[in-house]
């Protein structure tokens, strides 16, 4: 497994301090984020999942703790929209250039507006997908927010 991805290159270029952590990805896991947390020996609220959605038909990225579900109503409100829905996996892969299970908010093929769950900012460090299945980057959630020019908002149900 390569530990250099578009995501890690984007973080390095942005001058963000991070470390790379590989784990055994289980493609059959019911909840990939929870499986990643268990494999890394971390609590699920510190291992964030990256989801692609649409707000009023516009692509957005949302980053939430792996043990949480996104509230579509709150997500729409965070971006000043009326409705939100999850993006189809094939569309998410085409837009980001990453495979589902390995979608990172960093280094996406076409950057889109991003929201990070505000409660995630309370941690000193979090894990976010590093751009391939079985690879996470550990970094400050504030650095992640700043590198992505993301908004922090309450987006979980």
C-alpha atoms as a PDB file:
ATOM      1  CA  UNK A   1       0.000   0.000   0.000  1.00  0.00           C
ATOM      2  CA  UNK A   2       1.341   3.393  -0.964  1.00  0.00           C
ATOM      3  CA  UNK A   3       1.357   5.943   1.825  1.00  0.00           C
ATOM      4  CA  UNK A   4       1.571   8.774  -0.691  1.00  0.00           C
ATOM      5  CA  UNK A   5      -1.775   9.748  -2.186  1.00  0.00           C
ATOM      6  CA  UNK A   6      -3.291  12.902  -3.644  1.00  0.00           C
ATOM      7  CA  UNK A   7      -4.661  13.517  -0.130  1.00  0.00           C
ATOM      8  CA  UNK A   8      -1.279  13.299   1.604  1.00  0.00           C
ATOM      9  CA  UNK A   9       0.308  15.395  -1.145  1.00  0.00           C
ATOM     10  CA  UNK A  10      -2.386  18.067  -0.718  1.00  0.00           C
ATOM     11  CA  UNK A  11      -1.833  18.152   3.051  1.00  0.00           C
ATOM     12  CA  UNK A  12       1.943  18.398   2.649  1.00  0.00           C
ATOM     13  CA  UNK A  13       1.573  21.175   0.072  1.00  0.00           C
ATOM     14  CA  UNK A  14      -0.718  23.056   2.484  1.00  0.00           C
ATOM     15  CA  UNK A  15       1.916  22.736   5.205  1.00  0.00           C
ATOM     16  CA  UNK A  16      -0.348  20.696   7.476  1.00  0.00           C
ATOM     17  CA  UNK A  17       1.284  18.501  10.103  1.00  0.00           C
ATOM     18  CA  UNK A  18      -0.085  14.935   9.889  1.00  0.00           C
ATOM     19  CA  UNK A  19       0.854  11.304  10.289  1.00  0.00           C
ATOM     20  CA  UNK A  20      -0.217   8.361   8.136  1.00  0.00           C
ATOM     21  CA  UNK A  21      -1.800   5.228   9.599  1.00  0.00           C
ATOM     22  CA  UNK A  22      -2.540   2.058   7.632  1.00  0.00           C
ATOM     23  CA  UNK A  23      -4.988  -0.599   8.784  1.00  0.00           C
ATOM     24  CA  UNK A  24      -6.553  -3.757   7.391  1.00  0.00           C
ATOM     25  CA  UNK A  25      -9.567  -2.522   5.424  1.00  0.00           C
ATOM     26  CA  UNK A  26     -12.526  -4.911   5.510  1.00  0.00           C
ATOM     27  CA  UNK A  27     -14.638  -4.474   2.355  1.00  0.00           C
ATOM     28  CA  UNK A  28     -17.401  -6.534   3.980  1.00  0.00           C
ATOM     29  CA  UNK A  29     -17.678  -4.327   7.065  1.00  0.00           C
ATOM     30  CA  UNK A  30     -21.181  -3.033   7.619  1.00  0.00           C
ATOM     31  CA  UNK A  31     -19.862   0.365   8.747  1.00  0.00           C
ATOM     32  CA  UNK A  32     -16.458   1.178   7.245  1.00  0.00           C
ATOM     33  CA  UNK A  33     -15.770   4.071   9.646  1.00  0.00           C
ATOM     34  CA  UNK A  34     -16.460   1.956  12.713  1.00  0.00           C
ATOM     35  CA  UNK A  35     -14.285  -0.826  11.330  1.00  0.00           C
ATOM     36  CA  UNK A  36     -11.466   1.699  10.788  1.00  0.00           C
ATOM     37  CA  UNK A  37     -11.815   2.964  14.367  1.00  0.00           C
ATOM     38  CA  UNK A  38     -11.648  -0.575  15.754  1.00  0.00           C
ATOM     39  CA  UNK A  39      -8.649  -1.470  13.573  1.00  0.00           C
ATOM     40  CA  UNK A  40      -6.810   1.683  14.691  1.00  0.00           C
ATOM     41  CA  UNK A  41      -7.735   1.166  18.350  1.00  0.00           C
ATOM     42  CA  UNK A  42      -9.413   4.576  18.475  1.00  0.00           C
ATOM     43  CA  UNK A  43     -12.810   5.749  19.666  1.00  0.00           C
ATOM     44  CA  UNK A  44     -15.329   6.184  16.819  1.00  0.00           C
ATOM     45  CA  UNK A  45     -15.838   9.887  17.606  1.00  0.00           C
ATOM     46  CA  UNK A  46     -12.169  10.528  16.707  1.00  0.00           C
ATOM     47  CA  UNK A  47     -12.259   8.615  13.404  1.00  0.00           C
ATOM     48  CA  UNK A  48     -14.158  10.790  10.971  1.00  0.00           C
ATOM     49  CA  UNK A  49     -15.894   9.598   7.832  1.00  0.00           C
ATOM     50  CA  UNK A  50     -15.998  11.577   4.607  1.00  0.00           C
ATOM     51  CA  UNK A  51     -19.341  11.601   2.813  1.00  0.00           C
ATOM     52  CA  UNK A  52     -20.374  13.187  -0.441  1.00  0.00           C
ATOM     53  CA  UNK A  53     -23.821  14.733  -0.663  1.00  0.00           C
ATOM     54  CA  UNK A  54     -25.854  17.243  -2.633  1.00  0.00           C
ATOM     55  CA  UNK A  55     -27.529  20.347  -1.290  1.00  0.00           C
ATOM     56  CA  UNK A  56     -30.122  21.758  -3.658  1.00  0.00           C
ATOM     57  CA  UNK A  57     -28.401  19.777  -6.441  1.00  0.00           C
ATOM     58  CA  UNK A  58     -24.888  21.101  -5.676  1.00  0.00           C
ATOM     59  CA  UNK A  59     -22.117  18.736  -4.602  1.00  0.00           C
ATOM     60  CA  UNK A  60     -20.804  19.106  -1.053  1.00  0.00           C
ATOM     61  CA  UNK A  61     -18.500  17.142   1.220  1.00  0.00           C
ATOM     62  CA  UNK A  62     -19.356  16.455   4.861  1.00  0.00           C
ATOM     63  CA  UNK A  63     -17.032  15.094   7.541  1.00  0.00           C
ATOM     64  CA  UNK A  64     -18.583  13.533  10.649  1.00  0.00           C
ATOM     65  CA  UNK A  65     -17.599  11.123  13.426  1.00  0.00           C
ATOM     66  CA  UNK A  66     -17.842   7.523  12.250  1.00  0.00           C
ATOM     67  CA  UNK A  67     -20.434   6.694  14.916  1.00  0.00           C
ATOM     68  CA  UNK A  68     -22.821   9.441  13.758  1.00  0.00           C
ATOM     69  CA  UNK A  69     -25.358   9.861  10.974  1.00  0.00           C
ATOM     70  CA  UNK A  70     -25.746  13.063   8.966  1.00  0.00           C
ATOM     71  CA  UNK A  71     -28.981  15.007   9.386  1.00  0.00           C
ATOM     72  CA  UNK A  72     -29.997  16.006   5.870  1.00  0.00           C
ATOM     73  CA  UNK A  73     -32.012  18.896   7.287  1.00  0.00           C
ATOM     74  CA  UNK A  74     -29.028  20.232   9.248  1.00  0.00           C
ATOM     75  CA  UNK A  75     -26.689  19.673   6.295  1.00  0.00           C
ATOM     76  CA  UNK A  76     -28.941  21.667   3.979  1.00  0.00           C
ATOM     77  CA  UNK A  77     -29.183  24.457   6.554  1.00  0.00           C
ATOM     78  CA  UNK A  78     -25.388  24.545   7.004  1.00  0.00           C
ATOM     79  CA  UNK A  79     -25.018  25.408   3.325  1.00  0.00           C
ATOM     80  CA  UNK A  80     -28.038  27.709   3.193  1.00  0.00           C
ATOM     81  CA  UNK A  81     -30.075  25.225   1.177  1.00  0.00           C
ATOM     82  CA  UNK A  82     -33.526  23.713   1.372  1.00  0.00           C
ATOM     83  CA  UNK A  83     -32.831  20.021   0.845  1.00  0.00           C
ATOM     84  CA  UNK A  84     -29.935  17.587   0.963  1.00  0.00           C
ATOM     85  CA  UNK A  85     -29.389  14.001  -0.096  1.00  0.00           C
ATOM     86  CA  UNK A  86     -26.497  11.571  -0.229  1.00  0.00           C
ATOM     87  CA  UNK A  87     -24.650  11.411  -3.534  1.00  0.00           C
ATOM     88  CA  UNK A  88     -24.752   8.151  -5.476  1.00  0.00           C
ATOM     89  CA  UNK A  89     -21.480   6.217  -4.970  1.00  0.00           C
ATOM     90  CA  UNK A  90     -20.598   6.247  -8.679  1.00  0.00           C
ATOM     91  CA  UNK A  91     -21.089  10.028  -8.804  1.00  0.00           C
ATOM     92  CA  UNK A  92     -18.967  10.482  -5.657  1.00  0.00           C
ATOM     93  CA  UNK A  93     -16.157   8.431  -7.178  1.00  0.00           C
ATOM     94  CA  UNK A  94     -16.291  10.323 -10.464  1.00  0.00           C
ATOM     95  CA  UNK A  95     -16.297  13.721  -8.724  1.00  0.00           C
ATOM     96  CA  UNK A  96     -13.578  13.010  -6.149  1.00  0.00           C
ATOM     97  CA  UNK A  97     -11.320  10.641  -8.071  1.00  0.00           C
ATOM     98  CA  UNK A  98     -11.344   8.293  -5.069  1.00  0.00           C
ATOM     99  CA  UNK A  99     -13.040   4.928  -4.533  1.00  0.00           C
ATOM    100  CA  UNK A 100     -15.862   4.612  -1.991  1.00  0.00           C
ATOM    101  CA  UNK A 101     -14.253   3.491   1.259  1.00  0.00           C
ATOM    102  CA  UNK A 102     -11.212   5.577   0.385  1.00  0.00           C
ATOM    103  CA  UNK A 103     -12.750   9.005  -0.255  1.00  0.00           C
ATOM    104  CA  UNK A 104     -10.735  11.754   1.368  1.00  0.00           C
ATOM    105  CA  UNK A 105     -11.775  15.396   1.600  1.00  0.00           C
ATOM    106  CA  UNK A 106      -8.173  16.324   0.742  1.00  0.00           C
ATOM    107  CA  UNK A 107      -6.900  16.324  -2.836  1.00  0.00           C
ATOM    108  CA  UNK A 108     -10.251  15.682  -4.464  1.00  0.00           C
ATOM    109  CA  UNK A 109     -10.299  15.901  -8.243  1.00  0.00           C
ATOM    110  CA  UNK A 110     -12.818  18.753  -8.048  1.00  0.00           C
ATOM    111  CA  UNK A 111     -12.897  20.492  -4.649  1.00  0.00           C
ATOM    112  CA  UNK A 112     -16.393  21.227  -3.360  1.00  0.00           C
ATOM    113  CA  UNK A 113     -17.731  23.161  -0.356  1.00  0.00           C
ATOM    114  CA  UNK A 114     -17.065  21.174   2.807  1.00  0.00           C
ATOM    115  CA  UNK A 115     -18.613  21.036   6.275  1.00  0.00           C
ATOM    116  CA  UNK A 116     -17.082  19.388   9.328  1.00  0.00           C
ATOM    117  CA  UNK A 117     -19.182  18.421  12.335  1.00  0.00           C
ATOM    118  CA  UNK A 118     -18.451  21.087  14.936  1.00  0.00           C
ATOM    119  CA  UNK A 119     -18.176  18.610  17.830  1.00  0.00           C
ATOM    120  CA  UNK A 120     -15.187  16.998  16.061  1.00  0.00           C
ATOM    121  CA  UNK A 121     -13.230  20.212  16.607  1.00  0.00           C
ATOM    122  CA  UNK A 122     -13.116  19.508  20.366  1.00  0.00           C
ATOM    123  CA  UNK A 123     -10.485  16.780  19.875  1.00  0.00           C
ATOM    124  CA  UNK A 124      -6.756  17.488  19.784  1.00  0.00           C
ATOM    125  CA  UNK A 125      -6.375  15.043  16.881  1.00  0.00           C
ATOM    126  CA  UNK A 126      -8.706  13.109  14.604  1.00  0.00           C
ATOM    127  CA  UNK A 127      -8.335  10.546  11.834  1.00  0.00           C
ATOM    128  CA  UNK A 128      -9.633  11.262   8.338  1.00  0.00           C
ATOM    129  CA  UNK A 129      -9.370   9.079   5.237  1.00  0.00           C
ATOM    130  CA  UNK A 130      -6.008   9.471   3.536  1.00  0.00           C
ATOM    131  CA  UNK A 131      -7.165   8.814  -0.019  1.00  0.00           C
ATOM    132  CA  UNK A 132      -7.309   5.049  -0.236  1.00  0.00           C
ATOM    133  CA  UNK A 133      -8.994   2.162   1.504  1.00  0.00           C
ATOM    134  CA  UNK A 134      -7.114   1.231   4.661  1.00  0.00           C
ATOM    135  CA  UNK A 135      -5.274   4.544   5.017  1.00  0.00           C
ATOM    136  CA  UNK A 136      -6.029   7.303   7.526  1.00  0.00           C
ATOM    137  CA  UNK A 137      -4.259  10.567   8.294  1.00  0.00           C
ATOM    138  CA  UNK A 138      -4.067  11.805  11.886  1.00  0.00           C
ATOM    139  CA  UNK A 139      -4.155  15.567  12.265  1.00  0.00           C
ATOM    140  CA  UNK A 140      -5.636  18.452  14.170  1.00  0.00           C
ATOM    141  CA  UNK A 141      -9.303  18.946  13.240  1.00  0.00           C
ATOM    142  CA  UNK A 142      -8.650  22.708  13.158  1.00  0.00           C
ATOM    143  CA  UNK A 143      -5.871  22.156  10.604  1.00  0.00           C
ATOM    144  CA  UNK A 144      -8.229  19.963   8.562  1.00  0.00           C
ATOM    145  CA  UNK A 145     -10.925  22.644   8.686  1.00  0.00           C
ATOM    146  CA  UNK A 146      -8.486  25.364   7.660  1.00  0.00           C
ATOM    147  CA  UNK A 147      -6.856  23.331   4.858  1.00  0.00           C
ATOM    148  CA  UNK A 148     -10.278  22.552   3.399  1.00  0.00           C
ATOM    149  CA  UNK A 149     -11.676  26.049   4.025  1.00  0.00           C
ATOM    150  CA  UNK A 150     -14.519  24.078   5.566  1.00  0.00           C
ATOM    151  CA  UNK A 151     -17.357  25.403   7.648  1.00  0.00           C
ATOM    152  CA  UNK A 152     -17.857  23.949  11.116  1.00  0.00           C
ATOM    153  CA  UNK A 153     -21.521  23.241  11.730  1.00  0.00           C
ATOM    154  CA  UNK A 154     -23.821  20.900  13.655  1.00  0.00           C
ATOM    155  CA  UNK A 155     -24.678  18.414  10.893  1.00  0.00           C
ATOM    156  CA  UNK A 156     -25.275  15.144  12.755  1.00  0.00           C
ATOM    157  CA  UNK A 157     -28.686  13.758  13.657  1.00  0.00           C
END
